[in-house]
PDB file of N, CA and C in Angstrom:
ATOM      1  N   MET A   1       0.825  -1.170   0.000  1.00  0.00           N
ATOM      2  CA  MET A   1       0.000   0.000   0.000  1.00  0.00           C
ATOM      3  C   MET A   1       0.872   1.237   0.000  1.00  0.00           C
ATOM      4  N   SER A   2       0.279   2.323  -0.525  1.00  0.00           N
ATOM      5  CA  SER A   2       1.026   3.561  -0.625  1.00  0.00           C
ATOM      6  C   SER A   2       0.095   4.752  -0.464  1.00  0.00           C
ATOM      7  N   PHE A   3       0.702   5.926  -0.347  1.00  0.00           N
ATOM      8  CA  PHE A   3      -0.066   7.161  -0.300  1.00  0.00           C
ATOM      9  C   PHE A   3       0.694   8.216  -1.083  1.00  0.00           C
ATOM     10  N   ASP A   4      -0.048   9.176  -1.600  1.00  0.00           N
ATOM     11  CA  ASP A   4       0.533  10.213  -2.444  1.00  0.00           C
ATOM     12  C   ASP A   4       0.716  11.502  -1.673  1.00  0.00           C
ATOM     13  N   LEU A   5       1.710  12.267  -2.114  1.00  0.00           N
ATOM     14  CA  LEU A   5       2.002  13.581  -1.578  1.00  0.00           C
ATOM     15  C   LEU A   5       2.582  14.387  -2.728  1.00  0.00           C
ATOM     16  N   ALA A   6       2.217  15.654  -2.817  1.00  0.00           N
ATOM     17  CA  ALA A   6       2.693  16.504  -3.910  1.00  0.00           C
ATOM     18  C   ALA A   6       3.323  17.763  -3.350  1.00  0.00           C
ATOM     19  N   ALA A   7       4.498  18.116  -3.876  1.00  0.00           N
ATOM     20  CA  ALA A   7       5.126  19.403  -3.599  1.00  0.00           C
ATOM     21  C   ALA A   7       4.853  20.280  -4.818  1.00  0.00           C
ATOM     22  N   LEU A   8       4.307  21.464  -4.563  1.00  0.00           N
ATOM     23  CA  LEU A   8       3.846  22.317  -5.659  1.00  0.00           C
ATOM     24  C   LEU A   8       4.360  23.739  -5.503  1.00  0.00           C
ATOM     25  N   ALA A   9       4.767  24.319  -6.619  1.00  0.00           N
ATOM     26  CA  ALA A   9       5.152  25.730  -6.657  1.00  0.00           C
ATOM     27  C   ALA A   9       3.872  26.522  -6.866  1.00  0.00           C
ATOM     28  N   ALA A  10       3.024  26.515  -5.855  1.00  0.00           N
ATOM     29  CA  ALA A  10       1.682  27.084  -5.962  1.00  0.00           C
ATOM     30  C   ALA A  10       1.575  28.358  -5.137  1.00  0.00           C
ATOM     31  N   PRO A  11       0.609  29.186  -5.492  1.00  0.00           N
ATOM     32  CA  PRO A  11       0.338  30.349  -4.642  1.00  0.00           C
ATOM     33  C   PRO A  11      -0.033  29.883  -3.236  1.00  0.00           C
ATOM     34  N   ALA A  12       0.156  30.735  -2.268  1.00  0.00           N
ATOM     35  CA  ALA A  12      -0.095  30.368  -0.866  1.00  0.00           C
ATOM     36  C   ALA A  12      -1.578  30.457  -0.534  1.00  0.00           C
ATOM     37  N   ASP A  13      -2.365  29.600  -1.176  1.00  0.00           N
ATOM     38  CA  ASP A  13      -3.807  29.564  -0.999  1.00  0.00           C
ATOM     39  C   ASP A  13      -4.244  28.127  -1.233  1.00  0.00           C
ATOM     40  N   ALA A  14      -4.978  27.559  -0.303  1.00  0.00           N
ATOM     41  CA  ALA A  14      -5.349  26.140  -0.369  1.00  0.00           C
ATOM     42  C   ALA A  14      -6.131  25.797  -1.633  1.00  0.00           C
ATOM     43  N   ALA A  15      -7.041  26.665  -2.051  1.00  0.00           N
ATOM     44  CA  ALA A  15      -7.829  26.382  -3.257  1.00  0.00           C
ATOM     45  C   ALA A  15      -6.930  26.334  -4.490  1.00  0.00           C
ATOM     46  N   ALA A  16      -5.976  27.247  -4.575  1.00  0.00           N
ATOM     47  CA  ALA A  16      -5.044  27.265  -5.714  1.00  0.00           C
ATOM     48  C   ALA A  16      -4.154  26.026  -5.715  1.00  0.00           C
ATOM     49  N   VAL A  17      -3.784  25.552  -4.534  1.00  0.00           N
ATOM     50  CA  VAL A  17      -2.963  24.342  -4.424  1.00  0.00           C
ATOM     51  C   VAL A  17      -3.753  23.144  -4.943  1.00  0.00           C
ATOM     52  N   ARG A  18      -5.002  23.002  -4.533  1.00  0.00           N
ATOM     53  CA  ARG A  18      -5.845  21.901  -5.017  1.00  0.00           C
ATOM     54  C   ARG A  18      -6.012  21.960  -6.534  1.00  0.00           C
ATOM     55  N   GLU A  19      -6.245  23.156  -7.045  1.00  0.00           N
ATOM     56  CA  GLU A  19      -6.418  23.328  -8.487  1.00  0.00           C
ATOM     57  C   GLU A  19      -5.133  22.971  -9.235  1.00  0.00           C
ATOM     58  N   MET A  20      -3.982  23.385  -8.698  1.00  0.00           N
ATOM     59  CA  MET A  20      -2.713  23.061  -9.345  1.00  0.00           C
ATOM     60  C   MET A  20      -2.458  21.560  -9.319  1.00  0.00           C
ATOM     61  N   TYR A  21      -2.762  20.903  -8.204  1.00  0.00           N
ATOM     62  CA  TYR A  21      -2.579  19.455  -8.121  1.00  0.00           C
ATOM     63  C   TYR A  21      -3.423  18.758  -9.185  1.00  0.00           C
ATOM     64  N   ALA A  22      -4.666  19.174  -9.305  1.00  0.00           N
ATOM     65  CA  ALA A  22      -5.549  18.568 -10.306  1.00  0.00           C
ATOM     66  C   ALA A  22      -4.963  18.751 -11.702  1.00  0.00           C
ATOM     67  N   SER A  23      -4.426  19.918 -11.969  1.00  0.00           N
ATOM     68  CA  SER A  23      -3.806  20.189 -13.269  1.00  0.00           C
ATOM     69  C   SER A  23      -2.573  19.321 -13.493  1.00  0.00           C
ATOM     70  N   CYS A  24      -1.761  19.172 -12.456  1.00  0.00           N
ATOM     71  CA  CYS A  24      -0.508  18.408 -12.571  1.00  0.00           C
ATOM     72  C   CYS A  24      -0.742  16.918 -12.782  1.00  0.00           C
ATOM     73  N   THR A  25      -1.890  16.421 -12.390  1.00  0.00           N
ATOM     74  CA  THR A  25      -2.160  14.993 -12.518  1.00  0.00           C
ATOM     75  C   THR A  25      -2.955  14.650 -13.773  1.00  0.00           C
ATOM     76  N   ARG A  26      -3.287  15.658 -14.581  1.00  0.00           N
ATOM     77  CA  ARG A  26      -3.975  15.409 -15.847  1.00  0.00           C
ATOM     78  C   ARG A  26      -2.950  15.198 -16.956  1.00  0.00           C
ATOM     79  N   ASP A  27      -3.344  14.429 -17.959  1.00  0.00           N
ATOM     80  CA  ASP A  27      -2.461  14.169 -19.098  1.00  0.00           C
ATOM     81  C   ASP A  27      -2.157  15.417 -19.905  1.00  0.00           C
ATOM     82  N   ASP A  28      -3.032  16.404 -19.857  1.00  0.00           N
ATOM     83  CA  ASP A  28      -2.837  17.613 -20.657  1.00  0.00           C
ATOM     84  C   ASP A  28      -2.185  18.751 -19.871  1.00  0.00           C
ATOM     85  N   HIS A  29      -1.480  18.418 -18.776  1.00  0.00           N
ATOM     86  CA  HIS A  29      -0.823  19.439 -17.954  1.00  0.00           C
ATOM     87  C   HIS A  29       0.206  20.188 -18.798  1.00  0.00           C
ATOM     88  N   ALA A  30       0.046  21.479 -18.894  1.00  0.00           N
ATOM     89  CA  ALA A  30       0.965  22.303 -19.684  1.00  0.00           C
ATOM     90  C   ALA A  30       2.277  22.494 -18.936  1.00  0.00           C
ATOM     91  N   GLU A  31       3.363  22.258 -19.621  1.00  0.00           N
ATOM     92  CA  GLU A  31       4.674  22.487 -19.045  1.00  0.00           C
ATOM     93  C   GLU A  31       5.102  23.919 -19.324  1.00  0.00           C
ATOM     94  N   ALA A  32       5.827  24.487 -18.400  1.00  0.00           N
ATOM     95  CA  ALA A  32       6.309  25.858 -18.522  1.00  0.00           C
ATOM     96  C   ALA A  32       7.780  25.874 -18.142  1.00  0.00           C
ATOM     97  N   ASP A  33       8.315  27.043 -17.947  1.00  0.00           N
ATOM     98  CA  ASP A  33       9.691  27.140 -17.472  1.00  0.00           C
ATOM     99  C   ASP A  33       9.786  26.480 -16.104  1.00  0.00           C
ATOM    100  N   PHE A  34      10.883  25.778 -15.881  1.00  0.00           N
ATOM    101  CA  PHE A  34      11.094  25.057 -14.641  1.00  0.00           C
ATOM    102  C   PHE A  34      11.211  26.039 -13.484  1.00  0.00           C
ATOM    103  N   ASP A  35      10.476  25.810 -12.420  1.00  0.00           N
ATOM    104  CA  ASP A  35      10.568  26.631 -11.217  1.00  0.00           C
ATOM    105  C   ASP A  35      11.799  26.175 -10.443  1.00  0.00           C
ATOM    106  N   VAL A  36      12.712  27.084 -10.190  1.00  0.00           N
ATOM    107  CA  VAL A  36      13.974  26.736  -9.541  1.00  0.00           C
ATOM    108  C   VAL A  36      13.744  26.127  -8.158  1.00  0.00           C
ATOM    109  N   ARG A  37      12.655  26.510  -7.491  1.00  0.00           N
ATOM    110  CA  ARG A  37      12.365  25.932  -6.167  1.00  0.00           C
ATOM    111  C   ARG A  37      12.085  24.438  -6.268  1.00  0.00           C
ATOM    112  N   ILE A  38      11.387  24.046  -7.339  1.00  0.00           N
ATOM    113  CA  ILE A  38      11.100  22.633  -7.563  1.00  0.00           C
ATOM    114  C   ILE A  38      12.397  21.876  -7.807  1.00  0.00           C
ATOM    115  N   ALA A  39      13.260  22.434  -8.651  1.00  0.00           N
ATOM    116  CA  ALA A  39      14.536  21.780  -8.958  1.00  0.00           C
ATOM    117  C   ALA A  39      15.383  21.608  -7.700  1.00  0.00           C
ATOM    118  N   ARG A  40      15.451  22.633  -6.887  1.00  0.00           N
ATOM    119  CA  ARG A  40      16.262  22.558  -5.652  1.00  0.00           C
ATOM    120  C   ARG A  40      15.654  21.594  -4.640  1.00  0.00           C
ATOM    121  N   PHE A  41      14.320  21.597  -4.532  1.00  0.00           N
ATOM    122  CA  PHE A  41      13.640  20.663  -3.634  1.00  0.00           C
ATOM    123  C   PHE A  41      13.919  19.223  -4.065  1.00  0.00           C
ATOM    124  N   HIS A  42      13.747  18.943  -5.359  1.00  0.00           N
ATOM    125  CA  HIS A  42      13.958  17.588  -5.864  1.00  0.00           C
ATOM    126  C   HIS A  42      15.404  17.147  -5.655  1.00  0.00           C
ATOM    127  N   GLU A  43      16.347  18.030  -5.921  1.00  0.00           N
ATOM    128  CA  GLU A  43      17.762  17.695  -5.733  1.00  0.00           C
ATOM    129  C   GLU A  43      18.058  17.375  -4.266  1.00  0.00           C
ATOM    130  N   ALA A  44      17.544  18.194  -3.355  1.00  0.00           N
ATOM    131  CA  ALA A  44      17.770  17.952  -1.925  1.00  0.00           C
ATOM    132  C   ALA A  44      17.087  16.674  -1.466  1.00  0.00           C
ATOM    133  N   LEU A  45      15.869  16.450  -1.935  1.00  0.00           N
ATOM    134  CA  LEU A  45      15.116  15.256  -1.555  1.00  0.00           C
ATOM    135  C   LEU A  45      15.816  13.993  -2.058  1.00  0.00           C
ATOM    136  N   ALA A  46      16.271  14.021  -3.312  1.00  0.00           N
ATOM    137  CA  ALA A  46      16.970  12.860  -3.880  1.00  0.00           C
ATOM    138  C   ALA A  46      18.302  12.615  -3.179  1.00  0.00           C
ATOM    139  N   GLY A  47      18.882  13.659  -2.602  1.00  0.00           N
ATOM    140  CA  GLY A  47      20.114  13.485  -1.832  1.00  0.00           C
ATOM    141  C   GLY A  47      19.887  12.719  -0.540  1.00  0.00           C
ATOM    142  N   ILE A  48      18.700  12.853   0.011  1.00  0.00           N
ATOM    143  CA  ILE A  48      18.346  12.141   1.249  1.00  0.00           C
ATOM    144  C   ILE A  48      17.727  10.780   0.935  1.00  0.00           C
ATOM    145  N   PHE A  49      16.787  10.791  -0.013  1.00  0.00           N
ATOM    146  CA  PHE A  49      16.055   9.586  -0.402  1.00  0.00           C
ATOM    147  C   PHE A  49      16.165   9.425  -1.917  1.00  0.00           C
ATOM    148  N   PRO A  50      17.211   8.760  -2.395  1.00  0.00           N
ATOM    149  CA  PRO A  50      17.370   8.607  -3.857  1.00  0.00           C
ATOM    150  C   PRO A  50      16.117   8.008  -4.483  1.00  0.00           C
ATOM    151  N   ASP A  51      15.774   8.517  -5.669  1.00  0.00           N
ATOM    152  CA  ASP A  51      14.545   8.026  -6.299  1.00  0.00           C
ATOM    153  C   ASP A  51      14.840   7.114  -7.480  1.00  0.00           C
ATOM    154  N   HIS A  52      15.759   6.195  -7.243  1.00  0.00           N
ATOM    155  CA  HIS A  52      15.985   5.124  -8.213  1.00  0.00           C
ATOM    156  C   HIS A  52      15.212   3.907  -7.728  1.00  0.00           C
ATOM    157  N   ALA A  53      15.503   2.764  -8.207  1.00  0.00           N
ATOM    158  CA  ALA A  53      14.737   1.551  -7.870  1.00  0.00           C
ATOM    159  C   ALA A  53      14.485   1.451  -6.360  1.00  0.00           C
ATOM    160  N   PRO A  54      13.221   1.231  -5.966  1.00  0.00           N
ATOM    161  CA  PRO A  54      12.902   1.139  -4.533  1.00  0.00           C
ATOM    162  C   PRO A  54      13.713   0.054  -3.825  1.00  0.00           C
ATOM    163  N   ALA A  55      14.161   0.379  -2.640  1.00  0.00           N
ATOM    164  CA  ALA A  55      14.916  -0.544  -1.794  1.00  0.00           C
ATOM    165  C   ALA A  55      14.140  -0.695  -0.485  1.00  0.00           C
ATOM    166  N   PRO A  56      14.459  -1.704   0.314  1.00  0.00           N
ATOM    167  CA  PRO A  56      13.720  -1.923   1.567  1.00  0.00           C
ATOM    168  C   PRO A  56      13.710  -0.708   2.495  1.00  0.00           C
ATOM    169  N   ASP A  57      14.777   0.112   2.468  1.00  0.00           N
ATOM    170  CA  ASP A  57      14.839   1.279   3.349  1.00  0.00           C
ATOM    171  C   ASP A  57      14.385   2.567   2.662  1.00  0.00           C
ATOM    172  N   SER A  58      13.886   2.466   1.447  1.00  0.00           N
ATOM    173  CA  SER A  58      13.419   3.630   0.700  1.00  0.00           C
ATOM    174  C   SER A  58      11.962   3.926   1.046  1.00  0.00           C
ATOM    175  N   PRO A  59      11.606   5.216   1.162  1.00  0.00           N
ATOM    176  CA  PRO A  59      10.210   5.547   1.419  1.00  0.00           C
ATOM    177  C   PRO A  59       9.341   5.488   0.163  1.00  0.00           C
ATOM    178  N   TRP A  60       9.955   5.376  -1.011  1.00  0.00           N
ATOM    179  CA  TRP A  60       9.212   5.459  -2.267  1.00  0.00           C
ATOM    180  C   TRP A  60       8.553   4.137  -2.642  1.00  0.00           C
ATOM    181  N   ALA A  61       7.269   4.209  -2.957  1.00  0.00           N
ATOM    182  CA  ALA A  61       6.541   3.041  -3.450  1.00  0.00           C
ATOM    183  C   ALA A  61       6.781   2.871  -4.941  1.00  0.00           C
ATOM    184  N   THR A  62       6.976   3.976  -5.652  1.00  0.00           N
ATOM    185  CA  THR A  62       7.297   3.940  -7.076  1.00  0.00           C
ATOM    186  C   THR A  62       8.392   4.966  -7.364  1.00  0.00           C
ATOM    187  N   THR A  63       9.212   4.643  -8.322  1.00  0.00           N
ATOM    188  CA  THR A  63      10.281   5.544  -8.741  1.00  0.00           C
ATOM    189  C   THR A  63      10.393   5.483 -10.253  1.00  0.00           C
ATOM    190  N   PRO A  64      10.945   6.501 -10.871  1.00  0.00           N
ATOM    191  CA  PRO A  64      11.367   7.762 -10.253  1.00  0.00           C
ATOM    192  C   PRO A  64      10.156   8.603  -9.877  1.00  0.00           C
ATOM    193  N   LEU A  65      10.414   9.628  -9.068  1.00  0.00           N
ATOM    194  CA  LEU A  65       9.350  10.551  -8.703  1.00  0.00           C
ATOM    195  C   LEU A  65       8.883  11.278  -9.954  1.00  0.00           C
ATOM    196  N   SER A  66       7.636  11.701  -9.953  1.00  0.00           N
ATOM    197  CA  SER A  66       7.090  12.445 -11.085  1.00  0.00           C
ATOM    198  C   SER A  66       7.491  13.907 -10.925  1.00  0.00           C
ATOM    199  N   LEU A  67       8.367  14.352 -11.802  1.00  0.00           N
ATOM    200  CA  LEU A  67       8.920  15.700 -11.725  1.00  0.00           C
ATOM    201  C   LEU A  67       8.426  16.525 -12.893  1.00  0.00           C
ATOM    202  N   GLY A  68       7.873  17.685 -12.593  1.00  0.00           N
ATOM    203  CA  GLY A  68       7.413  18.602 -13.625  1.00  0.00           C
ATOM    204  C   GLY A  68       7.960  19.987 -13.353  1.00  0.00           C
ATOM    205  N   ALA A  69       7.655  20.912 -14.210  1.00  0.00           N
ATOM    206  CA  ALA A  69       8.159  22.275 -14.081  1.00  0.00           C
ATOM    207  C   ALA A  69       7.700  22.937 -12.782  1.00  0.00           C
ATOM    208  N   ASP A  70       6.533  22.520 -12.284  1.00  0.00           N
ATOM    209  CA  ASP A  70       5.968  23.165 -11.107  1.00  0.00           C
ATOM    210  C   ASP A  70       5.574  22.192 -10.006  1.00  0.00           C
ATOM    211  N   HIS A  71       6.038  20.942 -10.105  1.00  0.00           N
ATOM    212  CA  HIS A  71       5.618  19.960  -9.109  1.00  0.00           C
ATOM    213  C   HIS A  71       6.584  18.784  -8.998  1.00  0.00           C
ATOM    214  N   VAL A  72       6.505  18.135  -7.834  1.00  0.00           N
ATOM    215  CA  VAL A  72       7.095  16.817  -7.607  1.00  0.00           C
ATOM    216  C   VAL A  72       5.989  15.979  -6.979  1.00  0.00           C
ATOM    217  N   LEU A  73       5.583  14.926  -7.685  1.00  0.00           N
ATOM    218  CA  LEU A  73       4.559  14.022  -7.167  1.00  0.00           C
ATOM    219  C   LEU A  73       5.256  12.800  -6.589  1.00  0.00           C
ATOM    220  N   MET A  74       4.920  12.470  -5.353  1.00  0.00           N
ATOM    221  CA  MET A  74       5.587  11.386  -4.631  1.00  0.00           C
ATOM    222  C   MET A  74       4.575  10.338  -4.218  1.00  0.00           C
ATOM    223  N   ARG A  75       4.909   9.087  -4.401  1.00  0.00           N
ATOM    224  CA  ARG A  75       4.108   7.972  -3.900  1.00  0.00           C
ATOM    225  C   ARG A  75       4.965   7.291  -2.839  1.00  0.00           C
ATOM    226  N   LEU A  76       4.529   7.402  -1.587  1.00  0.00           N
ATOM    227  CA  LEU A  76       5.282   6.870  -0.463  1.00  0.00           C
ATOM    228  C   LEU A  76       4.702   5.549   0.021  1.00  0.00           C
ATOM    229  N   ARG A  77       5.588   4.719   0.560  1.00  0.00           N
ATOM    230  CA  ARG A  77       5.155   3.444   1.130  1.00  0.00           C
ATOM    231  C   ARG A  77       4.480   3.680   2.469  1.00  0.00           C
ATOM    232  N   MET A  78       3.444   2.913   2.739  1.00  0.00           N
ATOM    233  CA  MET A  78       2.786   2.953   4.043  1.00  0.00           C
ATOM    234  C   MET A  78       3.723   2.301   5.053  1.00  0.00           C
ATOM    235  N   GLY A  79       3.646   2.750   6.279  1.00  0.00           N
ATOM    236  CA  GLY A  79       4.451   2.169   7.339  1.00  0.00           C
ATOM    237  C   GLY A  79       5.538   3.120   7.801  1.00  0.00           C
ATOM    238  N   PRO A  80       6.373   2.648   8.702  1.00  0.00           N
ATOM    239  CA  PRO A  80       7.370   3.504   9.330  1.00  0.00           C
ATOM    240  C   PRO A  80       8.322   4.205   8.350  1.00  0.00           C
ATOM    241  N   VAL A  81       8.767   3.515   7.324  1.00  0.00           N
ATOM    242  CA  VAL A  81       9.733   4.113   6.398  1.00  0.00           C
ATOM    243  C   VAL A  81       9.125   5.318   5.683  1.00  0.00           C
ATOM    244  N   GLY A  82       7.907   5.178   5.183  1.00  0.00           N
ATOM    245  CA  GLY A  82       7.242   6.293   4.518  1.00  0.00           C
ATOM    246  C   GLY A  82       6.877   7.405   5.474  1.00  0.00           C
ATOM    247  N   GLU A  83       6.375   7.036   6.639  1.00  0.00           N
ATOM    248  CA  GLU A  83       5.960   8.028   7.627  1.00  0.00           C
ATOM    249  C   GLU A  83       7.144   8.842   8.143  1.00  0.00           C
ATOM    250  N   GLN A  84       8.297   8.212   8.303  1.00  0.00           N
ATOM    251  CA  GLN A  84       9.482   8.924   8.785  1.00  0.00           C
ATOM    252  C   GLN A  84       9.984   9.927   7.750  1.00  0.00           C
ATOM    253  N   ALA A  85       9.741   9.662   6.484  1.00  0.00           N
ATOM    254  CA  ALA A  85      10.185  10.578   5.434  1.00  0.00           C
ATOM    255  C   ALA A  85       9.351  11.854   5.401  1.00  0.00           C
ATOM    256  N   ILE A  86       8.116  11.784   5.869  1.00  0.00           N
ATOM    257  CA  ILE A  86       7.214  12.934   5.787  1.00  0.00           C
ATOM    258  C   ILE A  86       7.799  14.157   6.493  1.00  0.00           C
ATOM    259  N   GLU A  87       8.365  13.968   7.659  1.00  0.00           N
ATOM    260  CA  GLU A  87       8.934  15.096   8.407  1.00  0.00           C
ATOM    261  C   GLU A  87      10.007  15.817   7.588  1.00  0.00           C
ATOM    262  N   LYS A  88      10.870  15.060   6.937  1.00  0.00           N
ATOM    263  CA  LYS A  88      11.919  15.663   6.114  1.00  0.00           C
ATOM    264  C   LYS A  88      11.326  16.327   4.872  1.00  0.00           C
ATOM    265  N   ILE A  89      10.315  15.715   4.276  1.00  0.00           N
ATOM    266  CA  ILE A  89       9.665  16.293   3.098  1.00  0.00           C
ATOM    267  C   ILE A  89       9.016  17.630   3.461  1.00  0.00           C
ATOM    268  N   ILE A  90       8.330  17.681   4.597  1.00  0.00           N
ATOM    269  CA  ILE A  90       7.698  18.925   5.040  1.00  0.00           C
ATOM    270  C   ILE A  90       8.745  20.013   5.259  1.00  0.00           C
ATOM    271  N   ALA A  91       9.834  19.671   5.930  1.00  0.00           N
ATOM    272  CA  ALA A  91      10.893  20.651   6.192  1.00  0.00           C
ATOM    273  C   ALA A  91      11.509  21.158   4.890  1.00  0.00           C
ATOM    274  N   LEU A  92      11.771  20.258   3.943  1.00  0.00           N
ATOM    275  CA  LEU A  92      12.358  20.678   2.664  1.00  0.00           C
ATOM    276  C   LEU A  92      11.389  21.547   1.868  1.00  0.00           C
ATOM    277  N   ALA A  93      10.122  21.181   1.838  1.00  0.00           N
ATOM    278  CA  ALA A  93       9.132  21.975   1.106  1.00  0.00           C
ATOM    279  C   ALA A  93       9.038  23.371   1.711  1.00  0.00           C
ATOM    280  N   ASP A  94       8.996  23.448   3.022  1.00  0.00           N
ATOM    281  CA  ASP A  94       8.932  24.744   3.686  1.00  0.00           C
ATOM    282  C   ASP A  94      10.189  25.564   3.385  1.00  0.00           C
ATOM    283  N   HIS A  95      11.335  24.941   3.463  1.00  0.00           N
ATOM    284  CA  HIS A  95      12.609  25.626   3.192  1.00  0.00           C
ATOM    285  C   HIS A  95      12.632  26.216   1.781  1.00  0.00           C
ATOM    286  N   HIS A  96      12.063  25.509   0.830  1.00  0.00           N
ATOM    287  CA  HIS A  96      12.085  25.947  -0.571  1.00  0.00           C
ATOM    288  C   HIS A  96      10.833  26.743  -0.967  1.00  0.00           C
ATOM    289  N   GLY A  97       9.951  27.016  -0.002  1.00  0.00           N
ATOM    290  CA  GLY A  97       8.773  27.826  -0.273  1.00  0.00           C
ATOM    291  C   GLY A  97       7.720  27.139  -1.116  1.00  0.00           C
ATOM    292  N   LEU A  98       7.609  25.830  -0.949  1.00  0.00           N
ATOM    293  CA  LEU A  98       6.646  25.047  -1.723  1.00  0.00           C
ATOM    294  C   LEU A  98       5.479  24.616  -0.844  1.00  0.00           C
ATOM    295  N   ALA A  99       4.315  24.473  -1.457  1.00  0.00           N
ATOM    296  CA  ALA A  99       3.147  23.931  -0.775  1.00  0.00           C
ATOM    297  C   ALA A  99       3.180  22.414  -0.895  1.00  0.00           C
ATOM    298  N   LEU A 100       2.623  21.739   0.087  1.00  0.00           N
ATOM    299  CA  LEU A 100       2.435  20.286   0.021  1.00  0.00           C
ATOM    300  C   LEU A 100       0.943  20.011   0.001  1.00  0.00           C
ATOM    301  N   TYR A 101       0.579  19.006  -0.772  1.00  0.00           N
ATOM    302  CA  TYR A 101      -0.824  18.617  -0.847  1.00  0.00           C
ATOM    303  C   TYR A 101      -0.944  17.117  -0.654  1.00  0.00           C
ATOM    304  N   ASP A 102      -1.856  16.724   0.235  1.00  0.00           N
ATOM    305  CA  ASP A 102      -2.153  15.325   0.508  1.00  0.00           C
ATOM    306  C   ASP A 102      -3.529  15.034  -0.091  1.00  0.00           C
ATOM    307  N   PRO A 103      -3.586  14.387  -1.261  1.00  0.00           N
ATOM    308  CA  PRO A 103      -4.877  14.157  -1.913  1.00  0.00           C
ATOM    309  C   PRO A 103      -5.774  13.158  -1.186  1.00  0.00           C
ATOM    310  N   GLN A 104      -5.211  12.309  -0.348  1.00  0.00           N
ATOM    311  CA  GLN A 104      -6.037  11.351   0.387  1.00  0.00           C
ATOM    312  C   GLN A 104      -6.930  12.062   1.395  1.00  0.00           C
ATOM    313  N   SER A 105      -6.383  13.051   2.084  1.00  0.00           N
ATOM    314  CA  SER A 105      -7.156  13.755   3.114  1.00  0.00           C
ATOM    315  C   SER A 105      -7.583  15.147   2.668  1.00  0.00           C
ATOM    316  N   ASP A 106      -7.186  15.548   1.462  1.00  0.00           N
ATOM    317  CA  ASP A 106      -7.460  16.880   0.928  1.00  0.00           C
ATOM    318  C   ASP A 106      -6.878  17.958   1.833  1.00  0.00           C
ATOM    319  N   GLU A 107      -5.731  17.665   2.430  1.00  0.00           N
ATOM    320  CA  GLU A 107      -5.049  18.610   3.310  1.00  0.00           C
ATOM    321  C   GLU A 107      -3.983  19.367   2.518  1.00  0.00           C
ATOM    322  N   THR A 108      -3.890  20.660   2.777  1.00  0.00           N
ATOM    323  CA  THR A 108      -2.891  21.503   2.155  1.00  0.00           C
ATOM    324  C   THR A 108      -1.982  22.059   3.248  1.00  0.00           C
ATOM    325  N   TYR A 109      -0.680  21.996   3.012  1.00  0.00           N
ATOM    326  CA  TYR A 109       0.311  22.528   3.934  1.00  0.00           C
ATOM    327  C   TYR A 109       1.053  23.634   3.214  1.00  0.00           C
ATOM    328  N   LEU A 110       0.825  24.860   3.648  1.00  0.00           N
ATOM    329  CA  LEU A 110       1.441  26.007   3.004  1.00  0.00           C
ATOM    330  C   LEU A 110       2.767  26.345   3.678  1.00  0.00           C
ATOM    331  N   PRO A 111       3.709  26.869   2.891  1.00  0.00           N
ATOM    332  CA  PRO A 111       4.993  27.237   3.502  1.00  0.00           C
ATOM    333  C   PRO A 111       4.801  28.396   4.491  1.00  0.00           C
ATOM    334  N   ARG A 112       5.608  28.375   5.535  1.00  0.00           N
ATOM    335  CA  ARG A 112       5.547  29.482   6.493  1.00  0.00           C
ATOM    336  C   ARG A 112       6.117  30.727   5.833  1.00  0.00           C
ATOM    337  N   ARG A 113       5.582  31.837   6.186  1.00  0.00           N
ATOM    338  CA  ARG A 113       6.108  33.118   5.668  1.00  0.00           C
ATOM    339  C   ARG A 113       7.423  33.402   6.369  1.00  0.00           C
ATOM    340  N   ARG A 114       8.404  33.813   5.618  1.00  0.00           N
ATOM    341  CA  ARG A 114       9.718  34.128   6.195  1.00  0.00           C
ATOM    342  C   ARG A 114       9.881  35.615   6.310  1.00  0.00           C
TER     343      ARG A 114
END
């Protein structure tokens, strides 16, 4: 079993985050210039949790992560390994000014204002 989590270069508004997630998961999602925050988030995340073939200690249920100009879509494994990664994912998203969206619970986590 797995659960999804999305890091999005979205405006700091929950409705806009939901709308962006819906757009990012459609086949017709328009690509634009790469948001540098997404690139830096993905690079830092892959440094902690490489997104190559899943290993027993990897939080990823599927790899590679879905990377777009304005998003990183993550499918995490249920259980301790996936749950332990969430804290680091939240910290990295906040550090890079990205919103997180949990489609299972429809929860949006906005970056703190600095």
